[in-house]
Protein backbone atom coordinates (compact mmCIF):
# COMPACT_ATOMS: atom_id res chain seq x y z
CA UNK A 1 0.19 -0.26 0.02
CA UNK A 2 2.94 2.52 0.64
CA UNK A 3 4.30 1.76 -2.89
CA UNK A 4 0.61 3.51 -3.74
CA UNK A 5 0.99 6.76 -2.50
CA UNK A 6 4.12 7.78 -0.78
CA UNK A 7 3.50 9.24 2.83
CA UNK A 8 6.19 12.05 1.63
CA UNK A 9 3.20 12.87 -1.25
CA UNK A 10 0.72 13.14 0.94
CA UNK A 11 2.37 15.05 3.53
CA UNK A 12 3.71 17.76 0.68
CA UNK A 13 -0.89 18.54 0.11
CA UNK A 14 -1.22 18.62 3.71
CA UNK A 15 -2.11 22.92 4.09
CA UNK A 16 -2.93 24.72 7.08
CA UNK A 17 -5.95 26.89 6.02
CA UNK A 18 -8.25 29.08 8.56
CA UNK A 19 -6.23 27.01 11.79
CA UNK A 20 -7.02 23.47 9.82
CA UNK A 21 -4.78 20.82 8.41
CA UNK A 22 -6.59 20.31 5.28
CA UNK A 23 -6.02 18.94 1.01
CA UNK A 24 -7.32 20.70 -1.55
CA UNK A 25 -10.24 19.18 -3.81
CA UNK A 26 -7.51 18.96 -6.40
CA UNK A 27 -4.72 16.98 -4.43
CA UNK A 28 -7.42 14.64 -3.59
CA UNK A 29 -8.63 13.69 -7.08
CA UNK A 30 -5.12 13.67 -8.21
CA UNK A 31 -4.48 11.06 -5.13
CA UNK A 32 -7.51 9.13 -5.71
CA UNK A 33 -6.90 8.72 -9.61
CA UNK A 34 -10.21 10.99 -10.49
CA UNK A 35 -10.96 13.96 -12.12
CA UNK A 36 -11.37 17.40 -9.92
CA UNK A 37 -14.62 17.53 -11.41
CA UNK A 38 -15.79 13.59 -10.72
CA UNK A 39 -14.55 14.07 -7.36
CA UNK A 40 -16.92 17.57 -7.08
CA UNK A 41 -19.92 15.97 -8.67
CA UNK A 42 -19.67 12.91 -6.23
CA UNK A 43 -19.66 15.72 -2.93
CA UNK A 44 -22.50 17.38 -4.64
CA UNK A 45 -24.65 14.09 -4.87
CA UNK A 46 -23.78 13.49 -1.33
CA UNK A 47 -23.46 17.20 0.36
CA UNK A 48 -25.39 16.57 3.27
CA UNK A 49 -22.74 14.11 4.57
CA UNK A 50 -20.00 17.35 4.06
CA UNK A 51 -21.02 20.07 6.89
CA UNK A 52 -19.15 23.08 7.13
CA UNK A 53 -16.58 21.60 9.48
CA UNK A 54 -15.72 18.82 7.08
CA UNK A 55 -15.17 20.96 4.13
CA UNK A 56 -15.38 24.65 3.30
CA UNK A 57 -15.00 26.28 -0.20
CA UNK A 58 -12.05 29.05 -0.32
CA UNK A 59 -12.52 32.30 -0.16
CA UNK A 60 -11.52 34.37 -3.48
CA UNK A 61 -8.14 36.12 -1.38
CA UNK A 62 -7.52 32.78 0.39
CA UNK A 63 -7.32 31.94 -3.71
CA UNK A 64 -5.53 34.35 -4.62
CA UNK A 65 -3.50 33.70 -1.77
CA UNK A 66 -2.96 29.97 -2.42
CA UNK A 67 -2.34 30.61 -6.62
CA UNK A 68 0.45 33.12 -5.37
CA UNK A 69 2.51 30.89 -3.13
CA UNK A 70 2.27 27.49 -4.94
CA UNK A 71 1.40 28.57 -8.63
CA UNK A 72 -1.65 27.63 -9.94
CA UNK A 73 -2.53 29.03 -13.65
CA UNK A 74 -4.84 32.38 -14.23
CA UNK A 75 -7.93 31.15 -15.38
CA UNK A 76 -7.57 32.62 -18.83
CA UNK A 77 -4.55 30.34 -19.22
CA UNK A 78 -6.36 26.55 -18.68
CA UNK A 79 -6.41 26.74 -14.86
CA UNK A 80 -8.99 27.05 -12.41
CA UNK A 81 -12.10 28.97 -12.71
CA UNK A 82 -13.69 28.26 -9.17
CA UNK A 83 -11.99 28.22 -5.86
CA UNK A 84 -11.08 24.98 -4.37
CA UNK A 85 -12.54 22.86 -1.82
CA UNK A 86 -10.27 22.00 1.12
CA UNK A 87 -11.54 18.97 2.47
CA UNK A 88 -10.17 18.39 6.45
CA UNK A 89 -9.49 15.24 7.91
CA UNK A 90 -13.20 14.29 8.59
CA UNK A 91 -14.03 15.21 5.07
CA UNK A 92 -11.15 13.04 3.71
CA UNK A 93 -12.32 10.17 5.60
CA UNK A 94 -16.20 10.92 4.23
CA UNK A 95 -14.64 10.97 0.48
CA UNK A 96 -13.97 7.30 0.72
CA UNK A 97 -17.89 6.58 1.23
CA UNK A 98 -18.48 8.76 -1.56
CA UNK A 99 -16.43 7.71 -4.20
CA UNK A 100 -16.90 3.64 -2.95
CA UNK A 101 -13.64 2.43 -5.42
CA UNK A 102 -10.70 0.18 -3.87
CA UNK A 103 -8.07 2.71 -4.68
CA UNK A 104 -9.57 4.98 -2.50
CA UNK A 105 -10.33 2.93 0.21
CA UNK A 106 -6.53 2.53 -0.15
CA UNK A 107 -5.39 5.93 -0.54
CA UNK A 108 -7.51 6.82 1.94
CA UNK A 109 -6.52 5.17 4.96
CA UNK A 110 -2.75 6.12 3.53
CA UNK A 111 -3.96 9.78 3.80
CA UNK A 112 -5.82 8.79 7.53
CA UNK A 113 -2.04 7.63 8.50
CA UNK A 114 -0.45 10.58 8.10
CA UNK A 115 -2.90 12.77 9.34
CA UNK A 116 -2.50 11.26 12.63
CA UNK A 117 1.31 10.87 11.89
CA UNK A 118 1.05 15.20 11.84
CA UNK A 119 -0.86 15.05 14.72
CA UNK A 120 1.67 12.64 16.72
CA UNK A 121 4.05 15.06 15.82
CA UNK A 122 2.76 18.03 17.06
CA UNK A 123 1.95 16.85 20.30
CA UNK A 124 5.30 15.67 21.21
CA UNK A 125 6.74 18.75 19.86
CA UNK A 126 4.62 21.10 22.39
CA UNK A 127 5.12 18.33 25.00
CA UNK A 128 8.92 19.18 24.42
CA UNK A 129 8.08 22.80 24.62
CA UNK A 130 6.91 22.24 28.33
CA UNK A 131 9.64 20.08 29.02
CA UNK A 132 12.25 22.83 28.43
CA UNK A 133 10.10 25.16 30.35
CA UNK A 134 10.28 22.78 33.22
CA UNK A 135 13.97 22.73 32.48
CA UNK A 136 14.39 26.50 32.11
CA UNK A 137 12.69 26.96 36.17
CA UNK A 138 15.29 24.75 37.08
CA UNK A 139 18.26 25.71 36.14
CA UNK A 140 19.51 29.43 36.78
CA UNK A 141 21.14 31.69 33.72
CA UNK A 142 23.96 30.08 32.86
CA UNK A 143 22.33 27.40 30.52
CA UNK A 144 19.61 30.96 28.88
CA UNK A 145 21.60 30.28 25.95
CA UNK A 146 21.47 26.45 25.87
CA UNK A 147 17.58 26.99 25.73
CA UNK A 148 17.57 29.26 23.25
CA UNK A 149 19.62 27.41 21.27
CA UNK A 150 17.47 24.74 21.32
CA UNK A 151 14.20 27.03 21.21
CA UNK A 152 16.20 28.61 17.62
CA UNK A 153 15.99 24.44 16.95
CA UNK A 154 12.20 23.75 18.01
CA UNK A 155 10.98 27.07 15.75
CA UNK A 156 8.94 26.65 12.62
CA UNK A 157 11.23 28.12 9.89
CA UNK A 158 10.60 31.29 8.37
CA UNK A 159 9.67 30.60 4.67
CA UNK A 160 11.79 32.88 2.97
CA UNK A 161 10.50 34.74 -0.45
CA UNK A 162 12.22 34.08 -3.71
CA UNK A 163 12.33 36.31 -6.36
CA UNK A 164 10.96 35.54 -9.68
CA UNK A 165 13.06 35.62 -12.89
CA UNK A 166 16.96 36.00 -13.57
CA UNK A 167 19.57 36.89 -11.26
CA UNK A 168 21.97 39.63 -13.05
């Protein structure tokens, strides 16, 4: 099953939008081996299974921001004409019951395992930060440099914007 969809491929498609870890309809369609239209059609036929906390459509501003970040082509060049739908973990779980193919079930299992792994990583990072705070309280100022270095290593890297075009 791991050969079907590599975990790294799934991890790359999970985005943080509106404070939720989500996957976009286009990425899910690619993983499930269906078209975006087919996926969204199946969702629309089963709207009652996808409440707002399972799936939501990106706003125009979110879509524009996303287009600039991951280079989605504009509608005049054959890109998307409508803002994509974002599926939360529960929405992704519901998709397998709507698509009903063997591949959908297998891919869904891989996605669920990835979401669980992501939650475990976040949880362990919080526990590590808590332990570090406890140690800081215990020891005096002579270890402050060590604690600051560890906190820098734990912090998420700030994305650097890269210039587009040729360097002169």
